[in-house]
Amino acid sequence: MSTRTLKRKIKRTKKKTAFELTAQHLKANGVVLWRGRSRFDGSPMVLIAVGLRDPTSNIKTPHTVTVYGLRSDISPRENILEGARSTCGHCPIKKECYVHSWTLAAIYKEFIAGKYPSLPLEMLPQVMRTQGPAHKLRLGGYANPSVVGWREFGRLIPNLGVDWLSYEHDWRGAPAAWKSVSMASTESIKGTLAADSRGWRAFQVVPVGQGPAVVKALRARGLQAVQCHFKKLPSDASELDKLRKLRNGVNCYNCPTPCNGFNSLSPNHHVVVEVHGNPTILPSRNERLRILNRENVNP
């Protein structure tokens, strides 16, 4: 190793160890974990972890810090109008995305205003622990986790010392190493079978009412599969019902079959979940899934 190369390595090490948390890090609701170029088309991207101070109101994903991938040069609305190629790749249901557009707009507005300080991924757990109770890290809140390189982001996840959830729609094109961290998001039995053959655990979203039949069909084909343990509340559920559900029900925080990829920490089950999300987009999302999953679910 040349003297110049050694000096560069020492300089980089000093830079890493010299990073210190500030009051802004400890007060901010979100932090910028990464800036770079999209794996899909080279557009400028940013990964933002949100929920450090203001917990989510979603009773399915309580106690989670969620990572969103956004274009850094244009608004989420503009990105969607351009086809969301930069963030979502070839996702077959991106037009019926479950994520509220206003959620993305609010995060982007805070980002543009400079409300999110930059933070190395390795230091995120330290900030998360200042919240008190243990929290999970949720990747793929919006945009594929693999939009970032595996070496600079994905490989670090298992060594952070926190539990995580991760969902990858571009599992066919993503580096194979991501299957140890992420679930393959699928929309049909055919897709789940393909993901399984490539060594991925699948998270298959199915039309309303088809969960049990799809689980049965996958098991008949030799796969280990379970239906998502979370039980949705009726749309007119009271705040008290929601609180009881949060305290006593199974959710993404305490689930016995966590969506954390295929690794020694996880069971081998594929997970089947009935379509959920934004009520305004639910009907069209449900119909789109019916079209994608025309295969008869009976073995």
Protein backbone atom coordinates (compact mmCIF):
# COMPACT_ATOMS: atom_id res chain seq x y z
CA MET A 1 0.00 0.00 0.00
CA SER A 2 1.42 3.38 -1.01
CA THR A 3 1.94 6.22 1.48
CA ARG A 4 -0.66 8.31 -0.33
CA THR A 5 -3.30 5.56 -0.11
CA LEU A 6 -2.57 5.05 3.59
CA LYS A 7 -2.94 8.77 4.30
CA ARG A 8 -6.28 8.82 2.49
CA LYS A 9 -7.56 5.89 4.58
CA ILE A 10 -6.46 7.57 7.80
CA LYS A 11 -8.14 10.80 6.72
CA ARG A 12 -11.42 9.00 5.96
CA THR A 13 -11.30 7.21 9.32
CA LYS A 14 -10.78 10.49 11.14
CA LYS A 15 -13.74 11.98 9.34
CA LYS A 16 -15.98 9.08 10.40
CA THR A 17 -14.91 9.08 14.03
CA ALA A 18 -15.07 12.87 14.28
CA PHE A 19 -18.84 13.02 13.65
CA GLU A 20 -20.73 14.16 16.72
CA LEU A 21 -24.43 14.41 17.40
CA THR A 22 -25.83 17.90 17.84
CA ALA A 23 -28.93 19.29 19.48
CA GLN A 24 -30.56 19.43 16.04
CA HIS A 25 -30.09 15.67 15.60
CA LEU A 26 -31.73 14.99 18.94
CA LYS A 27 -34.66 17.33 18.29
CA ALA A 28 -35.35 16.63 14.61
CA ASN A 29 -38.17 14.30 13.59
CA GLY A 30 -36.14 13.14 10.61
CA VAL A 31 -32.56 12.85 9.36
CA VAL A 32 -30.95 12.52 5.95
CA LEU A 33 -29.17 9.16 5.81
CA TRP A 34 -27.88 9.26 2.25
CA ARG A 35 -27.57 11.45 -0.82
CA GLY A 36 -26.61 10.07 -4.19
CA ARG A 37 -27.85 8.81 -7.52
CA SER A 38 -30.72 6.43 -8.18
CA ARG A 39 -29.71 2.93 -9.23
CA PHE A 40 -32.55 3.02 -11.74
CA ASP A 41 -31.84 6.12 -13.80
CA GLY A 42 -29.10 8.12 -12.12
CA SER A 43 -31.38 10.90 -10.86
CA PRO A 44 -30.39 12.69 -7.62
CA MET A 45 -31.92 10.98 -4.60
CA VAL A 46 -32.10 11.33 -0.86
CA LEU A 47 -33.01 8.80 1.86
CA ILE A 48 -34.75 10.30 4.89
CA ALA A 49 -35.57 8.49 8.14
CA VAL A 50 -38.75 9.93 9.68
CA GLY A 51 -40.52 9.35 12.99
CA LEU A 52 -37.72 10.05 15.44
CA ARG A 53 -39.79 12.49 17.48
CA ASP A 54 -43.39 12.32 16.26
CA PRO A 55 -44.53 8.67 16.31
CA THR A 56 -46.67 7.39 13.48
CA SER A 57 -50.42 7.22 14.00
CA ASN A 58 -50.54 4.01 11.95
CA ILE A 59 -51.46 1.22 14.40
CA LYS A 60 -50.06 -1.37 12.01
CA THR A 61 -46.53 0.05 12.20
CA PRO A 62 -46.13 1.55 15.70
CA HIS A 63 -42.70 2.25 17.18
CA THR A 64 -41.07 2.33 13.77
CA VAL A 65 -38.72 4.83 12.17
CA THR A 66 -39.51 4.76 8.46
CA VAL A 67 -37.08 5.44 5.61
CA TYR A 68 -38.43 7.27 2.55
CA GLY A 69 -36.55 7.63 -0.73
CA LEU A 70 -37.27 10.87 -2.60
CA ARG A 71 -35.92 12.74 -5.57
CA SER A 72 -33.90 15.62 -4.18
CA ASP A 73 -34.26 17.88 -7.23
CA ILE A 74 -38.02 17.78 -7.84
CA SER A 75 -41.15 17.38 -5.72
CA PRO A 76 -42.77 13.96 -5.15
CA ARG A 77 -45.69 15.07 -7.31
CA GLU A 78 -43.37 15.87 -10.22
CA ASN A 79 -41.61 12.56 -9.73
CA ILE A 80 -44.92 10.70 -9.88
CA LEU A 81 -46.00 12.60 -12.99
CA GLU A 82 -42.71 11.56 -14.61
CA GLY A 83 -43.52 7.90 -13.86
CA ALA A 84 -41.62 7.51 -10.57
CA ARG A 85 -38.93 5.55 -12.39
CA SER A 86 -36.19 7.02 -10.17
CA THR A 87 -37.75 5.80 -6.93
CA CYS A 88 -39.93 2.84 -7.83
CA GLY A 89 -38.32 1.26 -10.87
CA HIS A 90 -40.66 -1.20 -12.57
CA CYS A 91 -43.13 -1.64 -9.69
CA PRO A 92 -46.35 -2.90 -11.35
CA ILE A 93 -48.67 -1.11 -8.92
CA LYS A 94 -46.89 2.23 -8.46
CA LYS A 95 -49.85 4.06 -9.97
CA GLU A 96 -51.96 2.58 -7.17
CA CYS A 97 -49.34 3.18 -4.45
CA TYR A 98 -50.55 2.86 -0.87
CA VAL A 99 -48.50 5.86 0.29
CA HIS A 100 -50.39 9.12 0.77
CA SER A 101 -49.07 11.74 -1.63
CA TRP A 102 -49.48 14.38 1.06
CA THR A 103 -47.16 12.39 3.32
CA LEU A 104 -44.42 12.57 0.70
CA ALA A 105 -45.14 16.25 0.10
CA ALA A 106 -44.84 17.04 3.82
CA ILE A 107 -41.51 15.20 4.10
CA TYR A 108 -40.15 16.91 1.00
CA LYS A 109 -41.21 20.32 2.31
CA GLU A 110 -39.29 19.74 5.56
CA PHE A 111 -36.28 18.50 3.61
CA ILE A 112 -36.20 21.57 1.36
CA ALA A 113 -36.53 23.79 4.45
CA GLY A 114 -33.42 22.20 5.96
CA LYS A 115 -35.27 20.61 8.88
CA TYR A 116 -33.51 17.24 8.47
CA PRO A 117 -29.82 17.21 9.43
CA SER A 118 -27.51 14.67 7.81
CA LEU A 119 -26.58 11.62 9.86
CA PRO A 120 -24.44 8.56 9.06
CA LEU A 121 -26.56 5.41 9.01
CA GLU A 122 -24.29 3.84 11.64
CA MET A 123 -25.30 6.53 14.14
CA LEU A 124 -29.05 6.28 13.58
CA PRO A 125 -29.56 3.66 16.34
CA GLN A 126 -28.00 6.05 18.84
CA VAL A 127 -30.59 8.68 17.98
CA MET A 128 -33.39 6.10 17.94
CA ARG A 129 -32.49 4.98 21.47
CA THR A 130 -32.97 8.49 22.82
CA GLN A 131 -36.70 7.96 22.27
CA GLY A 132 -36.86 5.52 25.16
CA PRO A 133 -38.42 2.18 24.14
CA ALA A 134 -36.86 0.04 21.45
CA HIS A 135 -37.85 0.97 17.92
CA LYS A 136 -37.69 -0.82 14.59
CA LEU A 137 -36.26 0.58 11.38
CA ARG A 138 -38.60 0.28 8.40
CA LEU A 139 -37.05 0.45 4.93
CA GLY A 140 -39.07 0.93 1.78
CA GLY A 141 -41.66 3.33 3.22
CA TYR A 142 -41.42 4.83 -0.25
CA ALA A 143 -38.93 3.86 -2.99
CA ASN A 144 -37.09 0.56 -3.23
CA PRO A 145 -34.36 0.11 -0.61
CA SER A 146 -32.01 -1.07 -3.38
CA VAL A 147 -32.18 2.36 -5.02
CA VAL A 148 -29.01 2.77 -2.93
CA GLY A 149 -25.95 0.60 -3.40
CA TRP A 150 -25.68 -2.54 -1.27
CA ARG A 151 -22.14 -1.82 -0.11
CA GLU A 152 -22.84 1.72 1.04
CA PHE A 153 -26.16 1.03 2.73
CA GLY A 154 -27.71 -2.44 2.66
CA ARG A 155 -24.80 -4.37 4.15
CA LEU A 156 -24.83 -2.09 7.20
CA ILE A 157 -28.43 -2.87 8.22
CA PRO A 158 -27.86 -6.24 9.99
CA ASN A 159 -25.02 -4.74 12.05
CA LEU A 160 -26.87 -1.69 13.38
CA GLY A 161 -28.13 -3.45 16.49
CA VAL A 162 -31.80 -2.67 15.81
CA ASP A 163 -34.57 -4.80 14.34
CA TRP A 164 -35.79 -3.86 10.89
CA LEU A 165 -38.45 -4.35 8.23
CA SER A 166 -37.72 -3.99 4.51
CA TYR A 167 -39.66 -4.39 1.26
CA GLU A 168 -38.18 -4.58 -2.25
CA HIS A 169 -40.30 -4.38 -5.41
CA ASP A 170 -37.33 -4.62 -7.75
CA TRP A 171 -36.17 -7.97 -6.36
CA ARG A 172 -35.63 -9.31 -9.87
CA GLY A 173 -33.07 -6.62 -10.64
CA ALA A 174 -31.65 -5.81 -7.20
CA PRO A 175 -28.27 -7.21 -6.12
CA ALA A 176 -28.86 -10.69 -4.67
CA ALA A 177 -27.37 -9.65 -1.32
CA TRP A 178 -30.49 -7.59 -0.60
CA LYS A 179 -32.51 -10.77 -0.02
CA SER A 180 -30.80 -11.11 3.38
CA VAL A 181 -32.36 -7.80 4.41
CA SER A 182 -35.54 -7.28 2.36
CA MET A 183 -38.72 -9.10 1.48
CA ALA A 184 -39.56 -9.49 -2.20
CA SER A 185 -42.79 -7.55 -2.71
CA THR A 186 -44.98 -9.66 -5.01
CA GLU A 187 -48.52 -9.37 -6.37
CA SER A 188 -49.26 -12.92 -7.56
CA ILE A 189 -48.64 -16.56 -6.76
CA LYS A 190 -46.45 -16.75 -9.84
CA GLY A 191 -44.34 -13.89 -8.51
CA THR A 192 -44.00 -15.48 -5.09
CA LEU A 193 -42.91 -18.79 -6.62
CA ALA A 194 -40.31 -16.94 -8.70
CA ALA A 195 -39.03 -15.05 -5.67
CA ASP A 196 -38.80 -18.27 -3.68
CA SER A 197 -36.81 -19.95 -6.46
CA ARG A 198 -34.29 -17.11 -6.23
CA GLY A 199 -33.90 -17.40 -2.46
CA TRP A 200 -36.13 -14.50 -1.42
CA ARG A 201 -38.85 -14.46 1.20
CA ALA A 202 -41.94 -12.91 -0.37
CA PHE A 203 -44.42 -10.38 0.95
CA GLN A 204 -47.39 -10.99 -1.33
CA VAL A 205 -50.22 -8.46 -1.40
CA VAL A 206 -53.53 -10.01 -2.50
CA PRO A 207 -57.08 -8.72 -3.14
CA VAL A 208 -59.43 -8.37 -0.19
CA GLY A 209 -60.78 -11.74 0.94
CA GLN A 210 -58.19 -13.88 -0.87
CA GLY A 211 -55.62 -14.17 1.93
CA PRO A 212 -56.51 -17.65 3.28
CA ALA A 213 -56.91 -19.14 -0.23
CA VAL A 214 -53.53 -17.81 -1.38
CA VAL A 215 -51.79 -19.15 1.74
CA LYS A 216 -53.37 -22.55 1.05
CA ALA A 217 -52.30 -22.43 -2.60
CA LEU A 218 -48.70 -21.57 -1.72
CA ARG A 219 -48.53 -24.37 0.85
CA ALA A 220 -49.93 -26.80 -1.72
CA ARG A 221 -46.96 -25.88 -3.91
CA GLY A 222 -44.51 -26.74 -1.13
CA LEU A 223 -43.86 -23.24 0.24
CA GLN A 224 -44.03 -22.17 3.86
CA ALA A 225 -46.54 -19.34 4.03
CA VAL A 226 -48.55 -17.48 6.64
CA GLN A 227 -51.10 -14.70 6.46
CA CYS A 228 -50.14 -11.37 7.99
CA HIS A 229 -51.02 -11.49 11.68
CA PHE A 230 -52.33 -7.93 11.76
CA LYS A 231 -56.11 -7.75 11.84
CA LYS A 232 -57.57 -4.59 10.35
CA LEU A 233 -60.09 -2.59 12.31
CA PRO A 234 -63.34 -1.43 10.69
CA SER A 235 -63.22 2.03 9.15
CA ASP A 236 -65.55 3.41 11.85
CA ALA A 237 -63.44 2.10 14.77
CA SER A 238 -63.25 4.45 17.75
CA GLU A 239 -60.04 5.91 19.15
CA LEU A 240 -60.47 3.62 22.16
CA ASP A 241 -60.64 0.58 19.87
CA LYS A 242 -57.46 1.74 18.14
CA LEU A 243 -55.69 2.18 21.48
CA ARG A 244 -56.72 -1.30 22.60
CA LYS A 245 -55.49 -2.70 19.29
CA LEU A 246 -52.19 -0.93 19.70
CA ARG A 247 -51.70 -2.26 23.21
CA ASN A 248 -52.94 -5.81 22.77
CA GLY A 249 -52.89 -6.70 19.07
CA VAL A 250 -50.18 -8.08 16.82
CA ASN A 251 -48.55 -5.46 14.60
CA CYS A 252 -45.33 -4.93 12.66
CA TYR A 253 -43.47 -4.12 15.86
CA ASN A 254 -44.20 -7.36 17.71
CA CYS A 255 -44.97 -9.71 14.81
CA PRO A 256 -43.66 -13.31 15.20
CA THR A 257 -42.82 -13.50 11.47
CA PRO A 258 -41.03 -10.18 10.87
CA CYS A 259 -40.51 -8.93 7.32
CA ASN A 260 -36.72 -8.77 7.54
CA GLY A 261 -35.57 -10.84 4.60
CA PHE A 262 -34.03 -14.30 4.49
CA ASN A 263 -31.43 -14.64 7.23
CA SER A 264 -30.63 -16.50 10.44
CA LEU A 265 -32.76 -14.07 12.46
CA SER A 266 -35.99 -14.70 10.56
CA PRO A 267 -38.36 -17.63 9.96
CA ASN A 268 -38.52 -18.93 6.40
CA HIS A 269 -42.18 -18.14 5.88
CA HIS A 270 -43.51 -16.09 3.02
CA VAL A 271 -46.08 -13.56 4.20
CA VAL A 272 -49.46 -12.98 2.53
CA VAL A 273 -51.34 -9.78 3.29
CA GLU A 274 -54.66 -8.52 1.98
CA VAL A 275 -54.52 -5.15 0.27
CA HIS A 276 -54.47 -2.20 2.64
CA GLY A 277 -53.49 1.46 2.77
CA ASN A 278 -54.92 4.78 1.62
CA PRO A 279 -58.77 4.42 1.52
CA THR A 280 -58.98 6.72 -1.51
CA ILE A 281 -56.76 4.43 -3.60
CA LEU A 282 -57.84 1.10 -2.08
CA PRO A 283 -60.54 0.20 -4.66
CA SER A 284 -58.26 0.77 -7.67
CA ARG A 285 -55.35 -0.99 -5.91
CA ASN A 286 -57.58 -3.95 -5.14
CA GLU A 287 -58.75 -4.15 -8.76
CA ARG A 288 -55.19 -3.89 -10.06
CA LEU A 289 -54.18 -6.83 -7.87
CA ARG A 290 -57.10 -8.87 -9.20
CA ILE A 291 -55.83 -8.27 -12.72
CA LEU A 292 -52.26 -9.22 -11.79
CA ASN A 293 -53.37 -12.34 -9.95
CA ARG A 294 -55.74 -13.94 -12.45
CA GLU A 295 -54.21 -17.33 -11.70
CA ASN A 296 -56.70 -19.53 -9.87
CA VAL A 297 -55.65 -19.60 -6.21
CA ASN A 298 -56.93 -23.16 -5.79
CA PRO A 299 -54.26 -25.86 -6.12
